[in-house]
Amino acid sequence: MTNTEKTIKKLLDLFEYHNEEEKTCEHCHQTKEAKSWTSFTLDAIRDKTDEYYAMSDLIGNADVDENSAYEWTVEALEAIQENLDKGIDSDEMQEALQEYANNGTDVYNYNLLDWLCKGNNSTFVEDMANEWGNVEPFNWLMPTQCFARENHFMATLEVVRKLLTTK
C-alpha cells in the first residue's frame, strides 16, 4: 500500500454514515421522517489528528451546506481511492474527479430544489445565472449543483495533496 493510499484510508476512517429509519410515535402517531447523514467518528473527534483538522477545515470552510460538505468529501475521497486503484496518476486525477462529480449530480428537480434550499447553496445560483445568462431557472439547477460538487471535489483533492506534501 502506497503512502497516498494509506493517507486516503486514514481520511476515510475519520467518517461514519448514519441512517435513521422512519419512526411513528406511539402516543401521537406522528411520523418522524427517515434521515441519513455523514459525520466524523467519535474517535476522530477525540484524537484530533492532522488529518482530522484538515478535513474539519475543509468542511467548515465549504461553500455548500454542512451535510453536502460531509457527504461530498467522503465521495471525493472514495473517488480518489477508486481512481488510484485503476492506476490513474496525479495528473489525470483532477479530470477523473470532475467526471465523478458530474455523474453524482442529482437528476430530479425535487432533489435539486431541496439541495438548493439548504444552507448557503443558493449562492451558486448567482454564479450560474451570470454564466448562463437569462434562461429558464430549471435549466441551470443541475449545472449549479454540478458546479458546486466539482468545486468541493477539487478542494478535497487539494487538501489531500497538501497532506501528502507535509508528510
Protein backbone atom coordinates (compact mmCIF):
# COMPACT_ATOMS: atom_id res chain seq x y z
CA MET A 1 0.00 0.00 0.00
CA THR A 2 1.46 3.36 -1.06
CA ASN A 3 1.70 6.41 1.17
CA THR A 4 -1.13 8.03 -0.81
CA GLU A 5 -3.39 5.01 -0.35
CA LYS A 6 -2.62 4.93 3.39
CA THR A 7 -3.47 8.62 3.69
CA ILE A 8 -6.78 8.18 1.82
CA LYS A 9 -7.68 5.23 4.06
CA LYS A 10 -6.87 7.29 7.18
CA LEU A 11 -9.06 10.10 5.88
CA LEU A 12 -11.97 7.80 5.07
CA ASP A 13 -11.70 6.22 8.53
CA LEU A 14 -12.44 9.64 10.04
CA PHE A 15 -16.05 9.45 8.83
CA GLU A 16 -19.11 7.37 9.59
CA TYR A 17 -22.51 7.10 7.95
CA HIS A 18 -25.71 7.30 10.00
CA ASN A 19 -29.12 6.11 8.90
CA GLU A 20 -32.21 6.75 10.97
CA GLU A 21 -35.34 4.89 9.93
CA GLU A 22 -38.79 6.42 9.76
CA LYS A 23 -40.49 6.23 13.15
CA THR A 24 -44.06 6.69 14.32
CA CYS A 25 -44.75 7.97 17.82
CA GLU A 26 -46.83 5.52 19.86
CA HIS A 27 -48.71 8.31 21.61
CA CYS A 28 -49.42 10.96 18.99
CA HIS A 29 -48.97 8.79 15.87
CA GLN A 30 -46.87 11.45 14.17
CA THR A 31 -44.32 10.11 11.76
CA LYS A 32 -40.72 11.18 12.05
CA GLU A 33 -39.14 11.21 8.62
CA ALA A 34 -36.23 8.89 7.90
CA LYS A 35 -32.91 10.66 7.51
CA SER A 36 -29.30 9.88 6.85
CA TRP A 37 -26.10 11.83 7.31
CA THR A 38 -22.34 11.54 7.47
CA SER A 39 -20.22 12.78 10.37
CA PHE A 40 -16.82 12.41 11.95
CA THR A 41 -16.39 9.36 14.16
CA LEU A 42 -16.09 9.97 17.88
CA ASP A 43 -12.55 8.60 17.73
CA ALA A 44 -11.63 11.15 15.05
CA ILE A 45 -13.00 13.99 17.15
CA ARG A 46 -11.26 12.74 20.28
CA ASP A 47 -7.88 12.00 18.63
CA LYS A 48 -7.66 15.33 16.76
CA THR A 49 -5.07 14.23 14.22
CA ASP A 50 -3.66 16.45 11.47
CA GLU A 51 -5.94 14.61 9.04
CA TYR A 52 -8.97 15.39 11.19
CA TYR A 53 -8.09 19.09 11.35
CA ALA A 54 -7.55 19.19 7.58
CA MET A 55 -10.94 17.58 6.88
CA SER A 56 -12.65 19.67 9.56
CA ASP A 57 -11.29 22.86 7.99
CA LEU A 58 -12.37 21.69 4.53
CA ILE A 59 -15.93 21.02 5.71
CA GLY A 60 -16.14 24.11 7.90
CA ASN A 61 -14.98 26.39 5.08
CA ALA A 62 -17.04 24.70 2.36
CA ASP A 63 -19.27 26.85 0.17
CA VAL A 64 -22.07 24.29 0.45
CA ASP A 65 -24.31 23.22 3.30
CA GLU A 66 -22.70 21.10 6.00
CA ASN A 67 -24.47 17.86 5.09
CA SER A 68 -23.40 18.15 1.44
CA ALA A 69 -19.86 19.02 2.55
CA TYR A 70 -19.57 15.86 4.64
CA GLU A 71 -21.21 13.66 2.01
CA TRP A 72 -19.23 15.08 -0.92
CA THR A 73 -15.94 14.93 0.99
CA VAL A 74 -16.40 11.21 1.53
CA GLU A 75 -17.50 10.75 -2.10
CA ALA A 76 -14.41 12.63 -3.30
CA LEU A 77 -12.11 10.54 -1.08
CA GLU A 78 -13.74 7.33 -2.34
CA ALA A 79 -13.35 8.55 -5.92
CA ILE A 80 -9.67 9.33 -5.34
CA GLN A 81 -9.20 5.86 -3.87
CA GLU A 82 -11.09 4.22 -6.75
CA ASN A 83 -9.05 6.12 -9.34
CA LEU A 84 -5.79 5.21 -7.61
CA ASP A 85 -6.87 1.56 -7.74
CA LYS A 86 -7.39 1.99 -11.50
CA GLY A 87 -3.86 3.33 -11.84
CA ILE A 88 -4.85 6.91 -12.63
CA ASP A 89 -1.92 9.18 -11.87
CA SER A 90 -1.92 12.52 -10.14
CA ASP A 91 -2.04 14.49 -13.40
CA GLU A 92 -5.23 12.77 -14.56
CA MET A 93 -6.89 12.78 -11.12
CA GLN A 94 -8.50 16.21 -11.47
CA GLU A 95 -10.26 15.25 -14.71
CA ALA A 96 -11.36 11.91 -13.24
CA LEU A 97 -12.78 13.64 -10.16
CA GLN A 98 -14.67 16.18 -12.28
CA GLU A 99 -16.27 13.31 -14.15
CA TYR A 100 -17.13 11.56 -10.89
CA ALA A 101 -18.65 14.78 -9.50
CA ASN A 102 -20.71 15.25 -12.67
CA ASN A 103 -22.02 11.69 -12.56
CA GLY A 104 -23.17 12.10 -8.94
CA THR A 105 -25.26 15.19 -9.60
CA ASP A 106 -28.97 14.82 -8.84
CA VAL A 107 -31.19 14.48 -11.90
CA TYR A 108 -34.58 15.15 -10.31
CA ASN A 109 -35.74 18.75 -9.88
CA TYR A 110 -37.24 17.90 -6.47
CA ASN A 111 -33.85 16.77 -5.14
CA LEU A 112 -32.08 19.70 -6.77
CA LEU A 113 -34.50 22.21 -5.26
CA ASP A 114 -34.21 20.51 -1.87
CA TRP A 115 -30.41 20.80 -2.08
CA LEU A 116 -30.61 24.40 -3.28
CA CYS A 117 -32.65 25.44 -0.22
CA LYS A 118 -30.13 24.08 2.30
CA GLY A 119 -27.55 26.28 3.96
CA ASN A 120 -25.88 28.69 1.59
CA ASN A 121 -26.20 26.55 -1.55
CA SER A 122 -28.31 29.23 -3.21
CA THR A 123 -25.16 31.35 -3.59
CA PHE A 124 -24.23 29.17 -6.54
CA VAL A 125 -27.37 30.30 -8.39
CA GLU A 126 -25.97 33.78 -8.98
CA ASP A 127 -22.75 32.33 -10.37
CA MET A 128 -24.64 30.10 -12.78
CA ALA A 129 -27.09 32.85 -13.75
CA ASN A 130 -24.14 35.10 -14.62
CA GLU A 131 -22.53 32.33 -16.63
CA TRP A 132 -25.65 31.06 -18.41
CA GLY A 133 -27.49 34.34 -18.84
CA ASN A 134 -31.25 34.74 -18.86
CA VAL A 135 -32.52 31.16 -19.18
CA GLU A 136 -35.26 29.13 -17.55
CA PRO A 137 -34.17 28.51 -13.92
CA PHE A 138 -34.87 24.78 -14.09
CA ASN A 139 -32.34 24.56 -16.93
CA TRP A 140 -29.49 25.54 -14.64
CA LEU A 141 -30.43 23.70 -11.46
CA MET A 142 -28.46 20.62 -12.39
CA PRO A 143 -25.39 22.54 -13.66
CA THR A 144 -25.48 24.58 -10.45
CA GLN A 145 -25.18 21.50 -8.26
CA CYS A 146 -22.64 20.00 -10.64
CA PHE A 147 -20.53 23.17 -10.36
CA ALA A 148 -20.75 23.04 -6.56
CA ARG A 149 -19.81 19.35 -6.49
CA GLU A 150 -16.84 19.89 -8.80
CA ASN A 151 -15.59 22.77 -6.64
CA HIS A 152 -15.85 20.69 -3.48
CA PHE A 153 -14.20 17.65 -5.05
CA MET A 154 -11.30 19.83 -6.23
CA ALA A 155 -10.98 21.38 -2.76
CA THR A 156 -10.86 17.87 -1.27
CA LEU A 157 -8.15 16.86 -3.74
CA GLU A 158 -6.10 19.93 -2.80
CA VAL A 159 -6.34 19.06 0.91
CA VAL A 160 -5.17 15.51 0.16
CA ARG A 161 -2.25 16.85 -1.89
CA LYS A 162 -1.26 19.22 0.93
CA LEU A 163 -1.39 16.40 3.48
CA LEU A 164 0.83 14.27 1.27
CA THR A 165 3.42 17.01 0.84
CA THR A 166 3.65 17.69 4.58
CA LYS A 167 4.41 14.07 5.45
